[in-house]
Amino acid sequence: MTAVLLATPYYPPNLGGVQQYTWNLARQLRRRHSYRVVVVTTAEPGEAPGTQVDDDGVTVHRLPSWRRISNTPVGFGWTGAIRRIIRDEKIDLINAHGPVPLFADLARRAAGDVPFVLTYHAGRMRKGHFAPDLLLSTYESTLLAGTVRHSREVICASEHVGEDLPNLFAGRPTVIEPGADLDLFRPTPVPPAQRIVFSASLEKATAYKGLADLLHALARLPEAHLEVAGSGSAEQDYHELARQLGITERVTFSGYLSGEKLAEAYRRARVLCLPTHFDNYPTVIVEAMATGRPVVATRVGAIPMFVTEGGTGLLNEPGDIDALTTSLNTVLTDYTLASRLGAAGSEFVAANLSWQRQSDRTVEVFQRAMSPQPAPVH
């Protein structure tokens, strides 16, 4: 039985695109491909580090984290800890996930001669401020470049990633986008109620997901109700903003949802809205489309590559609350349009983006990485 180590800085119940990608991949590798799956990640603040086996038979090792700098966990002794896990678990292949700096790079250092595959989920990391942008640019051209160079295979989570970092990846990646579990996210007719769902992390560091913009738009849609699926350090700030806007009774904060509970939240809604200011390929959009829900989102990252204007959803520029309000009102008041967009989305995901298909493609990459390597030419 092949043993694979998935190295990711965060893992559910922490909510985010990379977390959901690795979680879904772990489940498919275990169930569909009979891999023995081990995850190494970091413990959440206040959470004790340790090891547990989840309901799917995946062994999860959580390493102690000293603190976070922006969205990057920082700890001590991680390289040695990962090296011991590789040895004790008899790992055949390591698949590390970026872009959060350092964790994937340390996993690559710990790998030794074990085949290493990098999966990268975002384009250039920029904050819009000189000092952090210089630091991130330096990281990409040094540590990350070394990790890419020493990877037997590279996977990018969208075409956008490779296009945004052409010098780094130089045509090497296999593109494997996030998928949806079609056994879980099944299409159903759109409901008549004017109900919106938003699903994302509510951490302060992920304010770019645009929930504040959506709350302002909701204040202009008096018949609409919003369900927020997510949790994090900024949750109370959003409660307060809803109170200030006078929409508290029309917003339900459901907390972190996953699996069937998240699928039910999509099915309760007429539309998924993700007015993100910065993103790559949000998994929640794919899941909502699989459920037969139209999408209102923004023209950022890879989103326009799979959410087509008037085909599977409606797109706006980030931060344009007037346009966001208009798009939401259109979908919420036109049942025929919502049904057509939702049906087109579910058909697209079923044909192209099931996690079953994406895991098959990932295993093909893993098998190439584990195949005998040619001897170096002297």
Protein backbone atom coordinates (compact mmCIF):
# COMPACT_ATOMS: atom_id res chain seq x y z
CA MET A 1 0.00 0.00 0.00
CA THR A 2 1.46 3.37 -1.04
CA ALA A 3 1.93 5.78 1.86
CA VAL A 4 1.69 9.48 1.01
CA LEU A 5 2.40 12.41 3.32
CA LEU A 6 0.36 15.57 2.66
CA ALA A 7 2.20 18.53 4.18
CA THR A 8 -0.02 21.59 4.60
CA PRO A 9 0.31 24.53 7.02
CA TYR A 10 -3.42 24.41 7.81
CA TYR A 11 -5.98 21.62 7.72
CA PRO A 12 -9.67 21.36 8.66
CA PRO A 13 -11.42 22.31 10.81
CA ASN A 14 -9.47 25.43 9.76
CA LEU A 15 -11.45 26.77 6.79
CA GLY A 16 -9.84 27.85 3.54
CA GLY A 17 -9.21 26.80 -0.04
CA VAL A 18 -5.90 24.97 0.53
CA GLN A 19 -7.35 23.22 3.58
CA GLN A 20 -10.40 21.99 1.66
CA TYR A 21 -8.25 20.92 -1.29
CA THR A 22 -5.95 18.76 0.86
CA TRP A 23 -8.88 17.38 2.90
CA ASN A 24 -10.78 16.31 -0.21
CA LEU A 25 -7.62 14.90 -1.79
CA ALA A 26 -6.85 12.92 1.38
CA ARG A 27 -10.34 11.37 1.40
CA GLN A 28 -10.19 10.41 -2.28
CA LEU A 29 -6.67 8.96 -2.01
CA ARG A 30 -7.83 6.87 0.92
CA ARG A 31 -11.23 5.74 -0.39
CA ARG A 32 -10.77 5.61 -4.15
CA HIS A 33 -7.09 4.71 -4.50
CA SER A 34 -6.45 2.75 -1.27
CA TYR A 35 -3.48 4.91 -0.30
CA ARG A 36 -2.36 5.11 3.29
CA VAL A 37 -2.67 8.86 3.90
CA VAL A 38 -0.77 10.82 6.53
CA VAL A 39 -1.15 14.58 7.03
CA VAL A 40 1.33 16.85 8.77
CA THR A 41 0.05 20.31 9.65
CA THR A 42 0.13 22.85 12.49
CA ALA A 43 -2.02 23.07 15.58
CA GLU A 44 -4.43 25.97 15.83
CA PRO A 45 -3.83 28.64 18.50
CA GLY A 46 -4.93 27.18 21.82
CA GLU A 47 -5.03 23.66 20.36
CA ALA A 48 -2.72 21.01 21.75
CA PRO A 49 -0.35 19.45 19.20
CA GLY A 50 -0.55 15.72 18.72
CA THR A 51 -1.67 12.89 16.46
CA GLN A 52 -5.11 11.52 15.71
CA VAL A 53 -6.81 9.32 13.12
CA ASP A 54 -9.92 10.90 11.59
CA ASP A 55 -13.16 9.22 10.50
CA ASP A 56 -11.73 8.48 7.05
CA GLY A 57 -8.70 6.66 8.45
CA VAL A 58 -6.31 9.55 7.73
CA THR A 59 -3.55 10.03 10.32
CA VAL A 60 -3.15 13.72 11.15
CA HIS A 61 -0.01 14.99 12.92
CA ARG A 62 -0.38 18.54 14.28
CA LEU A 63 2.91 20.28 15.08
CA PRO A 64 3.18 23.00 17.74
CA SER A 65 2.96 26.55 16.40
CA TRP A 66 4.65 29.34 18.32
CA ARG A 67 2.74 32.18 16.68
CA ARG A 68 1.41 33.52 13.38
CA ILE A 69 3.01 36.29 11.36
CA SER A 70 0.26 37.52 9.05
CA ASN A 71 -1.14 34.19 7.81
CA THR A 72 2.11 32.25 8.26
CA PRO A 73 2.48 29.90 11.24
CA VAL A 74 5.90 29.90 12.85
CA GLY A 75 7.32 27.08 14.95
CA PHE A 76 10.54 25.40 15.99
CA GLY A 77 11.90 21.98 15.13
CA TRP A 78 9.50 21.35 12.29
CA THR A 79 12.09 19.93 9.87
CA GLY A 80 13.20 17.31 12.38
CA ALA A 81 9.61 16.49 13.33
CA ILE A 82 8.59 16.00 9.68
CA ARG A 83 11.70 13.89 9.08
CA ARG A 84 10.73 11.61 11.98
CA ILE A 85 7.17 11.29 10.66
CA ILE A 86 8.52 10.33 7.23
CA ARG A 87 10.68 7.65 8.83
CA ASP A 88 8.16 6.30 11.34
CA GLU A 89 5.24 6.25 8.89
CA LYS A 90 7.42 4.72 6.13
CA ILE A 91 6.35 7.39 3.65
CA ASP A 92 6.73 6.66 -0.08
CA LEU A 93 5.94 10.16 -1.39
CA ILE A 94 5.53 13.68 0.02
CA ASN A 95 3.05 16.17 -1.43
CA ALA A 96 3.49 19.64 0.10
CA HIS A 97 1.04 22.51 -0.39
CA GLY A 98 1.80 26.26 -0.71
CA PRO A 99 1.73 29.26 -0.89
CA VAL A 100 2.00 29.93 2.87
CA PRO A 101 5.77 30.45 3.19
CA LEU A 102 8.15 28.04 4.94
CA PHE A 103 6.03 24.95 5.64
CA ALA A 104 6.35 23.36 2.19
CA ASP A 105 10.00 24.43 2.05
CA LEU A 106 10.77 22.72 5.35
CA ALA A 107 8.93 19.60 4.19
CA ARG A 108 11.12 19.56 1.09
CA ARG A 109 14.26 19.79 3.26
CA ALA A 110 12.99 16.95 5.43
CA ALA A 111 12.20 14.75 2.43
CA GLY A 112 15.74 13.62 1.75
CA ASP A 113 15.58 11.03 -1.02
CA VAL A 114 11.82 10.48 -0.72
CA PRO A 115 10.02 11.68 -3.91
CA PHE A 116 8.64 15.18 -3.39
CA VAL A 117 5.75 16.85 -5.23
CA LEU A 118 4.80 20.52 -4.73
CA THR A 119 1.21 21.69 -5.17
CA TYR A 120 0.93 25.47 -5.42
CA HIS A 121 -2.41 27.22 -4.97
CA ALA A 122 -1.86 30.95 -5.68
CA GLY A 123 -0.08 33.42 -7.89
CA ARG A 124 2.20 36.16 -6.65
CA MET A 125 1.68 36.97 -3.00
CA ARG A 126 1.39 40.73 -2.62
CA LYS A 127 -0.02 42.84 0.23
CA GLY A 128 0.13 46.24 -1.48
CA HIS A 129 2.80 47.53 0.92
CA PHE A 130 6.48 47.92 0.05
CA ALA A 131 8.16 46.06 2.93
CA PRO A 132 6.01 42.88 2.99
CA ASP A 133 5.87 42.77 -0.81
CA LEU A 134 9.68 42.94 -0.99
CA LEU A 135 9.94 40.15 1.58
CA LEU A 136 7.45 37.96 -0.30
CA SER A 137 9.16 38.60 -3.63
CA THR A 138 12.49 37.63 -2.09
CA TYR A 139 10.96 34.45 -0.69
CA GLU A 140 9.54 33.48 -4.09
CA SER A 141 12.88 33.98 -5.84
CA THR A 142 14.97 32.13 -3.22
CA LEU A 143 13.41 29.56 -0.87
CA LEU A 144 10.38 28.81 -3.03
CA ALA A 145 12.49 28.65 -6.19
CA GLY A 146 14.68 26.05 -4.47
CA THR A 147 11.65 24.02 -3.45
CA VAL A 148 10.33 24.07 -7.03
CA ARG A 149 13.74 23.09 -8.38
CA HIS A 150 13.98 20.07 -6.07
CA SER A 151 10.42 18.86 -6.75
CA ARG A 152 10.10 15.85 -9.02
CA GLU A 153 6.69 17.10 -10.15
CA VAL A 154 4.80 20.39 -9.70
CA ILE A 155 1.02 20.75 -9.57
CA CYS A 156 -0.68 24.14 -9.90
CA ALA A 157 -4.27 24.59 -8.75
CA SER A 158 -5.16 26.64 -11.84
CA GLU A 159 -3.74 27.99 -15.09
CA HIS A 160 -3.66 31.39 -13.37
CA VAL A 161 -0.94 30.23 -10.95
CA GLY A 162 1.52 29.34 -13.67
CA GLU A 163 0.66 32.42 -15.72
CA ASP A 164 1.22 34.72 -12.73
CA LEU A 165 4.59 33.15 -11.86
CA PRO A 166 6.04 32.16 -15.26
CA ASN A 167 9.68 32.51 -14.24
CA LEU A 168 9.18 30.32 -11.20
CA PHE A 169 7.32 27.42 -12.80
CA ALA A 170 8.68 27.71 -16.37
CA GLY A 171 6.15 25.40 -17.98
CA ARG A 172 6.65 22.53 -15.51
CA PRO A 173 3.25 22.31 -13.78
CA THR A 174 0.41 19.92 -14.25
CA VAL A 175 -2.79 21.92 -13.65
CA ILE A 176 -5.24 20.16 -11.33
CA GLU A 177 -7.98 22.48 -10.14
CA PRO A 178 -10.04 22.03 -6.96
CA GLY A 179 -12.94 19.68 -7.44
CA ALA A 180 -16.24 18.78 -5.83
CA ASP A 181 -17.33 15.47 -4.36
CA LEU A 182 -20.30 14.61 -6.57
CA ASP A 183 -21.57 12.06 -4.05
CA LEU A 184 -21.95 14.89 -1.56
CA PHE A 185 -22.70 17.99 -3.62
CA ARG A 186 -25.69 16.87 -5.68
CA PRO A 187 -27.72 19.24 -7.89
CA THR A 188 -31.19 20.22 -6.68
CA PRO A 189 -33.68 22.81 -8.01
CA VAL A 190 -32.99 26.37 -6.88
CA PRO A 191 -35.39 27.39 -4.10
CA PRO A 192 -37.86 30.27 -4.51
CA ALA A 193 -36.66 32.16 -1.40
CA GLN A 194 -34.28 35.08 -1.84
CA ARG A 195 -31.49 33.44 0.14
CA ILE A 196 -27.73 34.01 -0.33
CA VAL A 197 -24.94 31.81 1.04
CA PHE A 198 -21.37 32.96 1.70
CA SER A 199 -18.76 30.35 2.65
CA ALA A 200 -15.22 31.30 3.65
CA SER A 201 -12.86 31.77 6.55
CA LEU A 202 -13.74 34.71 8.81
CA GLU A 203 -10.18 35.27 10.01
CA LYS A 204 -8.94 38.84 10.03
CA ALA A 205 -6.25 37.80 7.55
CA THR A 206 -8.94 36.69 5.06
CA ALA A 207 -10.97 39.91 5.04
CA TYR A 208 -10.22 40.01 1.30
CA LYS A 209 -12.97 37.40 0.81
CA GLY A 210 -15.38 40.35 0.73
CA LEU A 211 -17.96 39.58 3.40
CA ALA A 212 -18.07 43.26 4.39
CA ASP A 213 -18.97 44.19 0.80
CA LEU A 214 -21.69 41.54 0.79
CA LEU A 215 -23.20 42.83 4.05
CA HIS A 216 -23.36 46.35 2.56
CA ALA A 217 -25.07 44.94 -0.55
CA LEU A 218 -27.53 42.98 1.60
CA ALA A 219 -28.60 46.22 3.29
CA ARG A 220 -29.90 47.33 -0.15
CA LEU A 221 -31.82 44.08 -0.76
CA PRO A 222 -34.68 44.22 1.75
CA GLU A 223 -36.20 40.84 0.83
CA ALA A 224 -32.96 38.86 0.92
CA HIS A 225 -31.48 36.69 3.68
CA LEU A 226 -27.79 35.80 4.02
CA GLU A 227 -26.31 32.66 5.57
CA VAL A 228 -22.62 32.93 6.49
CA ALA A 229 -20.80 29.58 6.70
CA GLY A 230 -17.47 30.15 8.37
CA SER A 231 -15.71 31.10 11.56
CA GLY A 232 -12.62 32.99 12.63
CA SER A 233 -11.09 35.86 14.56
CA ALA A 234 -13.10 38.57 12.73
CA GLU A 235 -16.53 37.02 13.25
CA GLN A 236 -17.62 39.46 15.93
CA ASP A 237 -16.57 42.36 13.70
CA TYR A 238 -19.03 41.11 11.07
CA HIS A 239 -21.76 40.73 13.68
CA GLU A 240 -21.18 44.35 14.63
CA LEU A 241 -21.23 45.53 11.01
CA ALA A 242 -24.55 43.72 10.46
CA ARG A 243 -25.92 45.46 13.56
CA GLN A 244 -24.76 48.87 12.32
CA LEU A 245 -26.39 48.25 8.93
CA GLY A 246 -29.66 47.19 10.56
CA ILE A 247 -29.68 43.74 8.97
CA THR A 248 -29.01 41.50 11.98
CA GLU A 249 -32.34 39.67 11.59
CA ARG A 250 -31.54 38.89 7.95
CA VAL A 251 -28.09 37.37 8.57
CA THR A 252 -27.51 33.88 9.96
CA PHE A 253 -23.99 33.09 11.15
CA SER A 254 -23.88 29.30 10.97
CA GLY A 255 -20.24 28.82 11.99
CA TYR A 256 -17.86 26.40 10.34
CA LEU A 257 -19.71 23.91 8.12
CA SER A 258 -18.33 20.93 6.24
CA GLY A 259 -19.55 17.80 4.52
CA GLU A 260 -23.30 17.29 4.39
CA LYS A 261 -24.01 20.38 6.53
CA LEU A 262 -22.21 22.59 4.01
CA ALA A 263 -24.04 20.90 1.13
CA GLU A 264 -27.34 21.61 2.90
CA ALA A 265 -26.38 25.29 3.23
CA TYR A 266 -25.77 25.48 -0.53
CA ARG A 267 -29.11 23.77 -1.20
CA ARG A 268 -30.96 26.23 1.06
CA ALA A 269 -29.67 29.16 -0.98
CA ARG A 270 -30.72 30.66 -4.30
CA VAL A 271 -27.14 31.84 -5.00
CA LEU A 272 -23.59 31.61 -3.69
CA CYS A 273 -21.89 34.99 -3.41
CA LEU A 274 -18.13 35.36 -3.00
CA PRO A 275 -17.13 38.99 -3.71
CA THR A 276 -13.45 38.31 -3.06
CA HIS A 277 -10.80 40.95 -3.73
CA PHE A 278 -7.99 38.43 -4.20
CA ASP A 279 -8.16 34.71 -4.87
CA ASN A 280 -7.06 31.87 -7.08
CA TYR A 281 -9.67 29.12 -7.53
CA PRO A 282 -12.07 29.06 -4.58
CA THR A 283 -13.29 25.55 -3.82
CA VAL A 284 -16.60 26.80 -2.46
CA ILE A 285 -17.57 28.08 -5.91
CA VAL A 286 -17.01 24.65 -7.45
CA GLU A 287 -19.03 22.98 -4.67
CA ALA A 288 -21.94 25.42 -5.03
CA MET A 289 -21.94 24.96 -8.81
CA ALA A 290 -22.04 21.18 -8.34
CA THR A 291 -25.12 21.69 -6.16
CA GLY A 292 -26.80 23.57 -9.00
CA ARG A 293 -26.40 27.06 -7.59
CA PRO A 294 -25.52 30.12 -9.67
CA VAL A 295 -22.53 32.16 -8.54
CA VAL A 296 -22.08 35.89 -8.07
CA ALA A 297 -18.35 36.57 -7.75
CA THR A 298 -15.54 38.85 -8.90
CA ARG A 299 -13.13 38.95 -11.82
CA VAL A 300 -10.01 37.93 -9.90
CA GLY A 301 -7.56 35.05 -10.16
CA ALA A 302 -8.88 32.05 -12.05
CA ILE A 303 -12.55 32.69 -11.26
CA PRO A 304 -13.39 33.99 -14.78
CA MET A 305 -11.93 30.76 -16.20
CA PHE A 306 -14.78 28.67 -14.78
CA VAL A 307 -17.49 31.17 -13.85
CA THR A 308 -18.66 32.54 -17.18
CA GLU A 309 -20.63 35.78 -17.27
CA GLY A 310 -24.24 34.88 -18.00
CA GLY A 311 -23.26 31.22 -18.43
CA THR A 312 -22.76 29.87 -14.91
CA GLY A 313 -22.92 33.10 -12.93
CA LEU A 314 -22.48 36.87 -12.83
CA LEU A 315 -19.13 38.63 -12.33
CA ASN A 316 -18.22 42.08 -11.02
CA GLU A 317 -15.12 44.07 -10.20
CA PRO A 318 -13.93 43.66 -6.59
CA GLY A 319 -15.17 46.39 -4.25
CA ASP A 320 -17.96 47.57 -6.58
CA ILE A 321 -20.90 47.31 -4.17
CA ASP A 322 -23.36 48.90 -6.60
CA ALA A 323 -22.63 46.26 -9.25
CA LEU A 324 -22.64 43.50 -6.63
CA THR A 325 -26.09 44.59 -5.45
CA THR A 326 -27.42 44.67 -9.01
CA SER A 327 -26.10 41.18 -9.81
CA LEU A 328 -27.54 39.70 -6.64
CA ASN A 329 -30.90 41.36 -7.22
CA THR A 330 -30.98 39.96 -10.77
CA VAL A 331 -30.43 36.36 -9.65
CA LEU A 332 -32.68 36.66 -6.60
CA THR A 333 -35.66 38.00 -8.56
CA ASP A 334 -35.33 36.01 -11.81
CA TYR A 335 -36.04 32.36 -11.04
CA THR A 336 -35.66 31.26 -14.66
CA LEU A 337 -32.21 32.84 -14.93
CA ALA A 338 -31.08 31.39 -11.60
CA SER A 339 -32.20 27.92 -12.67
CA ARG A 340 -30.44 28.17 -16.03
CA LEU A 341 -27.16 29.39 -14.51
CA GLY A 342 -27.30 26.73 -11.79
CA ALA A 343 -27.96 23.89 -14.23
CA ALA A 344 -25.08 24.99 -16.48
CA GLY A 345 -22.75 25.10 -13.49
CA SER A 346 -23.61 21.62 -12.27
CA GLU A 347 -23.13 20.19 -15.77
CA PHE A 348 -19.72 21.86 -16.06
CA VAL A 349 -18.49 20.53 -12.71
CA ALA A 350 -19.78 17.01 -13.40
CA ALA A 351 -17.91 16.94 -16.71
CA ASN A 352 -14.67 18.58 -15.62
CA LEU A 353 -14.19 19.09 -11.88
CA SER A 354 -15.29 16.11 -9.82
CA TRP A 355 -12.88 15.25 -7.03
CA GLN A 356 -13.03 11.70 -8.26
CA ARG A 357 -11.53 12.80 -11.60
CA GLN A 358 -9.07 15.22 -10.01
CA SER A 359 -7.77 12.58 -7.60
CA ASP A 360 -7.21 10.20 -10.54
CA ARG A 361 -5.15 12.88 -12.26
CA THR A 362 -3.20 13.58 -9.06
CA VAL A 363 -2.33 9.89 -8.66
CA GLU A 364 -0.95 9.90 -12.21
CA VAL A 365 1.42 12.72 -11.15
CA PHE A 366 2.39 10.83 -7.99
CA GLN A 367 3.16 7.71 -10.00
CA ARG A 368 5.44 9.68 -12.33
CA ALA A 369 7.24 11.16 -9.32
CA MET A 370 7.79 7.70 -7.80
CA SER A 371 9.03 6.15 -11.04
CA PRO A 372 12.79 5.50 -11.28
CA GLN A 373 14.69 8.67 -12.08
CA PRO A 374 17.31 8.75 -14.86
CA ALA A 375 20.91 8.76 -13.70
CA PRO A 376 22.58 12.17 -13.83
CA VAL A 377 24.70 12.89 -16.91
CA HIS A 378 28.34 13.62 -16.09
